[in-house]
Amino acid sequence: MRCFQSGLGIFKQVAWAAGCTAVGGIVGGPVGAMAGGLVGSFLGYRLSSDYDSLITVLQELTDDEKADLVKKVQELVGSTTIEALTRFIGCQVQRENLLNLLRSAAQDLKGG
């Protein structure tokens, strides 16, 4: 549930910022877009519900959940070494795969 709340909170913030940026740009050109973006970002921050970052969710995992996550990451990377992980995340597609794994694991482990 926490990952869903995080996603929804982030979406609300982005929607406010993007919407106000677009309106500000239409009304006031580049300066209006900048002002609209600032106002929209502030509104998005104030109007979205609280949510936890992925880092916070991962830090709150139990030791067993962390061990399970480490195993999943090692299976994805295909190795247990830090060098292999470094090479793995050097590619954008693989980096996205790793982030997706972390998000889904945090969501699964926390009952989201």
N, C-alpha and C. Protein backbone atom coordinates (compact mmCIF):
# COMPACT_ATOMS: atom_id res chain seq x y z
N MET A 1 0.82 -1.19 0.00
CA MET A 1 0.00 0.00 0.00
C MET A 1 0.87 1.26 0.00
N ARG A 2 2.01 1.20 0.67
CA ARG A 2 2.87 2.37 0.75
C ARG A 2 3.39 2.78 -0.63
N CYS A 3 3.76 1.80 -1.46
CA CYS A 3 4.26 2.14 -2.79
C CYS A 3 3.16 2.77 -3.62
N PHE A 4 1.92 2.30 -3.45
CA PHE A 4 0.81 2.90 -4.17
C PHE A 4 0.61 4.34 -3.71
N GLN A 5 0.69 4.57 -2.38
CA GLN A 5 0.55 5.93 -1.86
C GLN A 5 1.67 6.82 -2.39
N SER A 6 2.88 6.26 -2.46
CA SER A 6 4.01 7.04 -2.98
C SER A 6 3.77 7.42 -4.43
N GLY A 7 3.36 6.45 -5.23
CA GLY A 7 3.09 6.71 -6.64
C GLY A 7 2.00 7.74 -6.84
N LEU A 8 0.94 7.63 -6.05
CA LEU A 8 -0.16 8.57 -6.16
C LEU A 8 0.27 9.97 -5.72
N GLY A 9 1.04 10.06 -4.63
CA GLY A 9 1.52 11.35 -4.16
C GLY A 9 2.42 12.02 -5.18
N ILE A 10 3.32 11.24 -5.76
CA ILE A 10 4.22 11.78 -6.79
C ILE A 10 3.43 12.22 -8.01
N PHE A 11 2.45 11.41 -8.42
CA PHE A 11 1.63 11.77 -9.58
C PHE A 11 0.90 13.09 -9.34
N LYS A 12 0.34 13.26 -8.15
CA LYS A 12 -0.37 14.52 -7.85
C LYS A 12 0.58 15.72 -7.93
N GLN A 13 1.77 15.56 -7.39
CA GLN A 13 2.73 16.66 -7.43
C GLN A 13 3.12 16.99 -8.86
N VAL A 14 3.38 15.98 -9.66
CA VAL A 14 3.76 16.20 -11.06
C VAL A 14 2.61 16.83 -11.83
N ALA A 15 1.39 16.36 -11.58
CA ALA A 15 0.23 16.90 -12.30
C ALA A 15 0.03 18.39 -11.99
N TRP A 16 0.13 18.77 -10.73
CA TRP A 16 0.01 20.18 -10.37
C TRP A 16 1.11 21.01 -11.03
N ALA A 17 2.35 20.53 -10.93
CA ALA A 17 3.47 21.28 -11.50
C ALA A 17 3.33 21.42 -13.01
N ALA A 18 2.99 20.32 -13.69
CA ALA A 18 2.87 20.37 -15.15
C ALA A 18 1.70 21.23 -15.59
N GLY A 19 0.57 21.08 -14.92
CA GLY A 19 -0.61 21.86 -15.29
C GLY A 19 -0.38 23.36 -15.12
N CYS A 20 0.18 23.73 -13.99
CA CYS A 20 0.43 25.16 -13.74
C CYS A 20 1.52 25.71 -14.66
N THR A 21 2.50 24.88 -14.99
CA THR A 21 3.54 25.31 -15.93
C THR A 21 2.93 25.58 -17.30
N ALA A 22 2.05 24.68 -17.74
CA ALA A 22 1.41 24.87 -19.04
C ALA A 22 0.53 26.12 -19.06
N VAL A 23 -0.28 26.30 -18.03
CA VAL A 23 -1.14 27.48 -17.97
C VAL A 23 -0.30 28.75 -17.90
N GLY A 24 0.73 28.72 -17.06
CA GLY A 24 1.61 29.89 -16.95
C GLY A 24 2.29 30.21 -18.26
N GLY A 25 2.70 29.18 -19.01
CA GLY A 25 3.34 29.40 -20.31
C GLY A 25 2.38 29.98 -21.33
N ILE A 26 1.15 29.51 -21.30
CA ILE A 26 0.14 30.04 -22.23
C ILE A 26 -0.15 31.50 -21.93
N VAL A 27 -0.29 31.81 -20.65
CA VAL A 27 -0.65 33.17 -20.24
C VAL A 27 0.53 34.13 -20.31
N GLY A 28 1.70 33.69 -19.86
CA GLY A 28 2.81 34.63 -19.71
C GLY A 28 4.08 34.27 -20.44
N GLY A 29 4.03 33.32 -21.35
CA GLY A 29 5.24 32.95 -22.09
C GLY A 29 6.25 32.23 -21.19
N PRO A 30 7.54 32.31 -21.53
CA PRO A 30 8.55 31.59 -20.75
C PRO A 30 8.60 31.98 -19.27
N VAL A 31 8.46 33.26 -18.98
CA VAL A 31 8.47 33.70 -17.57
C VAL A 31 7.22 33.18 -16.86
N GLY A 32 6.10 33.18 -17.55
CA GLY A 32 4.87 32.64 -16.97
C GLY A 32 4.96 31.15 -16.71
N ALA A 33 5.64 30.44 -17.62
CA ALA A 33 5.83 29.01 -17.42
C ALA A 33 6.67 28.75 -16.18
N MET A 34 7.72 29.56 -16.00
CA MET A 34 8.57 29.40 -14.82
C MET A 34 7.76 29.69 -13.55
N ALA A 35 7.03 30.78 -13.55
CA ALA A 35 6.22 31.13 -12.38
C ALA A 35 5.15 30.07 -12.13
N GLY A 36 4.51 29.62 -13.18
CA GLY A 36 3.49 28.57 -13.04
C GLY A 36 4.08 27.28 -12.50
N GLY A 37 5.28 26.95 -12.95
CA GLY A 37 5.94 25.75 -12.46
C GLY A 37 6.24 25.83 -10.97
N LEU A 38 6.69 27.01 -10.55
CA LEU A 38 6.96 27.20 -9.11
C LEU A 38 5.68 27.12 -8.29
N VAL A 39 4.65 27.81 -8.76
CA VAL A 39 3.37 27.78 -8.05
C VAL A 39 2.79 26.36 -8.06
N GLY A 40 2.84 25.70 -9.19
CA GLY A 40 2.31 24.34 -9.29
C GLY A 40 3.08 23.36 -8.41
N SER A 41 4.39 23.52 -8.35
CA SER A 41 5.19 22.65 -7.48
C SER A 41 4.81 22.84 -6.02
N PHE A 42 4.63 24.09 -5.63
CA PHE A 42 4.23 24.38 -4.25
C PHE A 42 2.85 23.80 -3.96
N LEU A 43 1.89 24.03 -4.87
CA LEU A 43 0.54 23.48 -4.68
C LEU A 43 0.57 21.95 -4.62
N GLY A 44 1.33 21.35 -5.50
CA GLY A 44 1.44 19.89 -5.49
C GLY A 44 1.99 19.37 -4.19
N TYR A 45 2.98 20.05 -3.66
CA TYR A 45 3.57 19.67 -2.37
C TYR A 45 2.54 19.80 -1.25
N ARG A 46 1.81 20.91 -1.23
CA ARG A 46 0.86 21.15 -0.16
C ARG A 46 -0.39 20.27 -0.25
N LEU A 47 -0.81 19.92 -1.47
CA LEU A 47 -2.07 19.21 -1.64
C LEU A 47 -1.94 17.71 -1.76
N SER A 48 -0.74 17.20 -1.92
CA SER A 48 -0.59 15.74 -2.02
C SER A 48 -0.49 15.15 -0.62
N SER A 49 -0.92 13.92 -0.50
CA SER A 49 -0.84 13.24 0.80
C SER A 49 0.60 12.83 1.08
N ASP A 50 0.89 12.59 2.34
CA ASP A 50 2.23 12.16 2.71
C ASP A 50 2.52 10.79 2.11
N TYR A 51 3.75 10.60 1.72
CA TYR A 51 4.17 9.30 1.20
C TYR A 51 5.63 9.10 1.53
N ASP A 52 6.05 7.85 1.51
CA ASP A 52 7.43 7.50 1.80
C ASP A 52 8.19 7.28 0.50
N SER A 53 9.46 7.64 0.52
CA SER A 53 10.31 7.38 -0.64
C SER A 53 10.65 5.89 -0.68
N LEU A 54 11.09 5.43 -1.82
CA LEU A 54 11.50 4.04 -1.97
C LEU A 54 12.61 3.71 -0.97
N ILE A 55 13.52 4.63 -0.75
CA ILE A 55 14.61 4.41 0.20
C ILE A 55 14.06 4.15 1.60
N THR A 56 13.09 4.94 2.02
CA THR A 56 12.49 4.76 3.35
C THR A 56 11.82 3.41 3.47
N VAL A 57 11.07 3.01 2.45
CA VAL A 57 10.40 1.71 2.47
C VAL A 57 11.43 0.59 2.56
N LEU A 58 12.50 0.70 1.79
CA LEU A 58 13.53 -0.35 1.81
C LEU A 58 14.25 -0.39 3.17
N GLN A 59 14.46 0.75 3.80
CA GLN A 59 15.13 0.79 5.10
C GLN A 59 14.28 0.13 6.18
N GLU A 60 12.99 0.14 6.02
CA GLU A 60 12.09 -0.42 7.02
C GLU A 60 11.86 -1.92 6.86
N LEU A 61 12.48 -2.53 5.84
CA LEU A 61 12.32 -3.98 5.66
C LEU A 61 12.99 -4.72 6.81
N THR A 62 12.44 -5.88 7.15
CA THR A 62 13.06 -6.73 8.15
C THR A 62 14.31 -7.37 7.55
N ASP A 63 15.13 -7.98 8.39
CA ASP A 63 16.34 -8.63 7.90
C ASP A 63 16.02 -9.75 6.92
N ASP A 64 14.96 -10.51 7.17
CA ASP A 64 14.56 -11.58 6.25
C ASP A 64 14.10 -11.01 4.91
N GLU A 65 13.35 -9.92 4.97
CA GLU A 65 12.90 -9.28 3.73
C GLU A 65 14.08 -8.71 2.95
N LYS A 66 15.04 -8.13 3.66
CA LYS A 66 16.25 -7.62 2.99
C LYS A 66 17.03 -8.74 2.34
N ALA A 67 17.16 -9.88 3.03
CA ALA A 67 17.88 -11.03 2.46
C ALA A 67 17.18 -11.53 1.20
N ASP A 68 15.85 -11.56 1.24
CA ASP A 68 15.09 -11.98 0.06
C ASP A 68 15.30 -11.02 -1.10
N LEU A 69 15.33 -9.73 -0.79
CA LEU A 69 15.55 -8.71 -1.83
C LEU A 69 16.95 -8.82 -2.42
N VAL A 70 17.94 -9.03 -1.57
CA VAL A 70 19.32 -9.21 -2.05
C VAL A 70 19.39 -10.39 -3.00
N LYS A 71 18.73 -11.48 -2.65
CA LYS A 71 18.72 -12.68 -3.50
C LYS A 71 18.10 -12.36 -4.87
N LYS A 72 16.99 -11.61 -4.86
CA LYS A 72 16.34 -11.25 -6.13
C LYS A 72 17.24 -10.37 -6.99
N VAL A 73 17.92 -9.41 -6.36
CA VAL A 73 18.83 -8.53 -7.11
C VAL A 73 19.98 -9.35 -7.69
N GLN A 74 20.54 -10.25 -6.91
CA GLN A 74 21.64 -11.09 -7.40
C GLN A 74 21.20 -11.97 -8.56
N GLU A 75 19.97 -12.47 -8.50
CA GLU A 75 19.44 -13.27 -9.61
C GLU A 75 19.28 -12.41 -10.86
N LEU A 76 18.80 -11.19 -10.69
CA LEU A 76 18.62 -10.28 -11.83
C LEU A 76 19.97 -9.93 -12.45
N VAL A 77 20.96 -9.61 -11.61
CA VAL A 77 22.28 -9.22 -12.09
C VAL A 77 23.04 -10.42 -12.64
N GLY A 78 22.81 -11.58 -12.04
CA GLY A 78 23.50 -12.79 -12.49
C GLY A 78 24.83 -12.99 -11.80
N SER A 79 25.05 -12.29 -10.71
CA SER A 79 26.31 -12.39 -9.97
C SER A 79 26.12 -11.82 -8.57
N THR A 80 27.09 -12.11 -7.71
CA THR A 80 27.04 -11.58 -6.34
C THR A 80 28.08 -10.50 -6.11
N THR A 81 28.83 -10.12 -7.14
CA THR A 81 29.91 -9.15 -6.94
C THR A 81 29.43 -7.72 -7.20
N ILE A 82 30.06 -6.79 -6.53
CA ILE A 82 29.73 -5.37 -6.71
C ILE A 82 30.15 -4.90 -8.11
N GLU A 83 31.21 -5.49 -8.65
CA GLU A 83 31.65 -5.13 -10.00
C GLU A 83 30.58 -5.48 -11.03
N ALA A 84 29.97 -6.66 -10.85
CA ALA A 84 28.91 -7.07 -11.78
C ALA A 84 27.71 -6.14 -11.66
N LEU A 85 27.38 -5.74 -10.44
CA LEU A 85 26.26 -4.81 -10.24
C LEU A 85 26.57 -3.47 -10.89
N THR A 86 27.80 -3.00 -10.74
CA THR A 86 28.20 -1.73 -11.34
C THR A 86 28.08 -1.78 -12.86
N ARG A 87 28.55 -2.87 -13.45
CA ARG A 87 28.42 -3.04 -14.91
C ARG A 87 26.95 -3.13 -15.31
N PHE A 88 26.17 -3.84 -14.51
CA PHE A 88 24.76 -4.04 -14.81
C PHE A 88 24.00 -2.72 -14.87
N ILE A 89 24.23 -1.85 -13.89
CA ILE A 89 23.47 -0.60 -13.86
C ILE A 89 24.04 0.45 -14.81
N GLY A 90 25.12 0.11 -15.52
CA GLY A 90 25.68 1.01 -16.52
C GLY A 90 24.78 1.16 -17.73
N CYS A 91 23.89 0.22 -17.94
CA CYS A 91 22.96 0.25 -19.08
C CYS A 91 21.60 0.75 -18.59
N GLN A 92 21.03 1.71 -19.28
CA GLN A 92 19.76 2.32 -18.89
C GLN A 92 18.65 1.29 -18.74
N VAL A 93 18.52 0.37 -19.67
CA VAL A 93 17.46 -0.63 -19.61
C VAL A 93 17.62 -1.50 -18.37
N GLN A 94 18.85 -1.91 -18.10
CA GLN A 94 19.09 -2.75 -16.93
C GLN A 94 18.88 -1.97 -15.64
N ARG A 95 19.24 -0.71 -15.64
CA ARG A 95 19.02 0.14 -14.47
C ARG A 95 17.52 0.25 -14.18
N GLU A 96 16.72 0.41 -15.23
CA GLU A 96 15.27 0.47 -15.07
C GLU A 96 14.74 -0.86 -14.56
N ASN A 97 15.28 -1.97 -15.06
CA ASN A 97 14.86 -3.28 -14.58
C ASN A 97 15.15 -3.43 -13.09
N LEU A 98 16.31 -2.95 -12.65
CA LEU A 98 16.66 -3.02 -11.24
C LEU A 98 15.72 -2.17 -10.40
N LEU A 99 15.43 -0.95 -10.83
CA LEU A 99 14.50 -0.10 -10.09
C LEU A 99 13.10 -0.71 -10.03
N ASN A 100 12.66 -1.30 -11.14
CA ASN A 100 11.35 -1.96 -11.14
C ASN A 100 11.33 -3.13 -10.17
N LEU A 101 12.41 -3.89 -10.11
CA LEU A 101 12.50 -5.00 -9.17
C LEU A 101 12.43 -4.49 -7.74
N LEU A 102 13.17 -3.42 -7.44
CA LEU A 102 13.16 -2.85 -6.09
C LEU A 102 11.77 -2.35 -5.72
N ARG A 103 11.12 -1.67 -6.65
CA ARG A 103 9.77 -1.16 -6.37
C ARG A 103 8.79 -2.30 -6.12
N SER A 104 8.80 -3.30 -7.01
CA SER A 104 7.84 -4.39 -6.85
C SER A 104 8.14 -5.21 -5.61
N ALA A 105 9.42 -5.41 -5.29
CA ALA A 105 9.77 -6.17 -4.09
C ALA A 105 9.33 -5.43 -2.85
N ALA A 106 9.56 -4.13 -2.80
CA ALA A 106 9.14 -3.35 -1.63
C ALA A 106 7.63 -3.38 -1.50
N GLN A 107 6.94 -3.30 -2.60
CA GLN A 107 5.49 -3.34 -2.57
C GLN A 107 5.01 -4.71 -2.12
N ASP A 108 5.58 -5.79 -2.66
CA ASP A 108 5.18 -7.14 -2.29
C ASP A 108 5.49 -7.43 -0.82
N LEU A 109 6.67 -7.03 -0.38
CA LEU A 109 7.09 -7.35 0.98
C LEU A 109 6.31 -6.56 2.02
N LYS A 110 5.86 -5.38 1.67
CA LYS A 110 5.11 -4.56 2.61
C LYS A 110 3.59 -4.68 2.41
N GLY A 111 3.19 -5.61 1.58
CA GLY A 111 1.75 -5.85 1.42
C GLY A 111 1.03 -4.84 0.59
N GLY A 112 1.75 -4.18 -0.34
CA GLY A 112 1.13 -3.15 -1.17
C GLY A 112 0.60 -3.70 -2.36
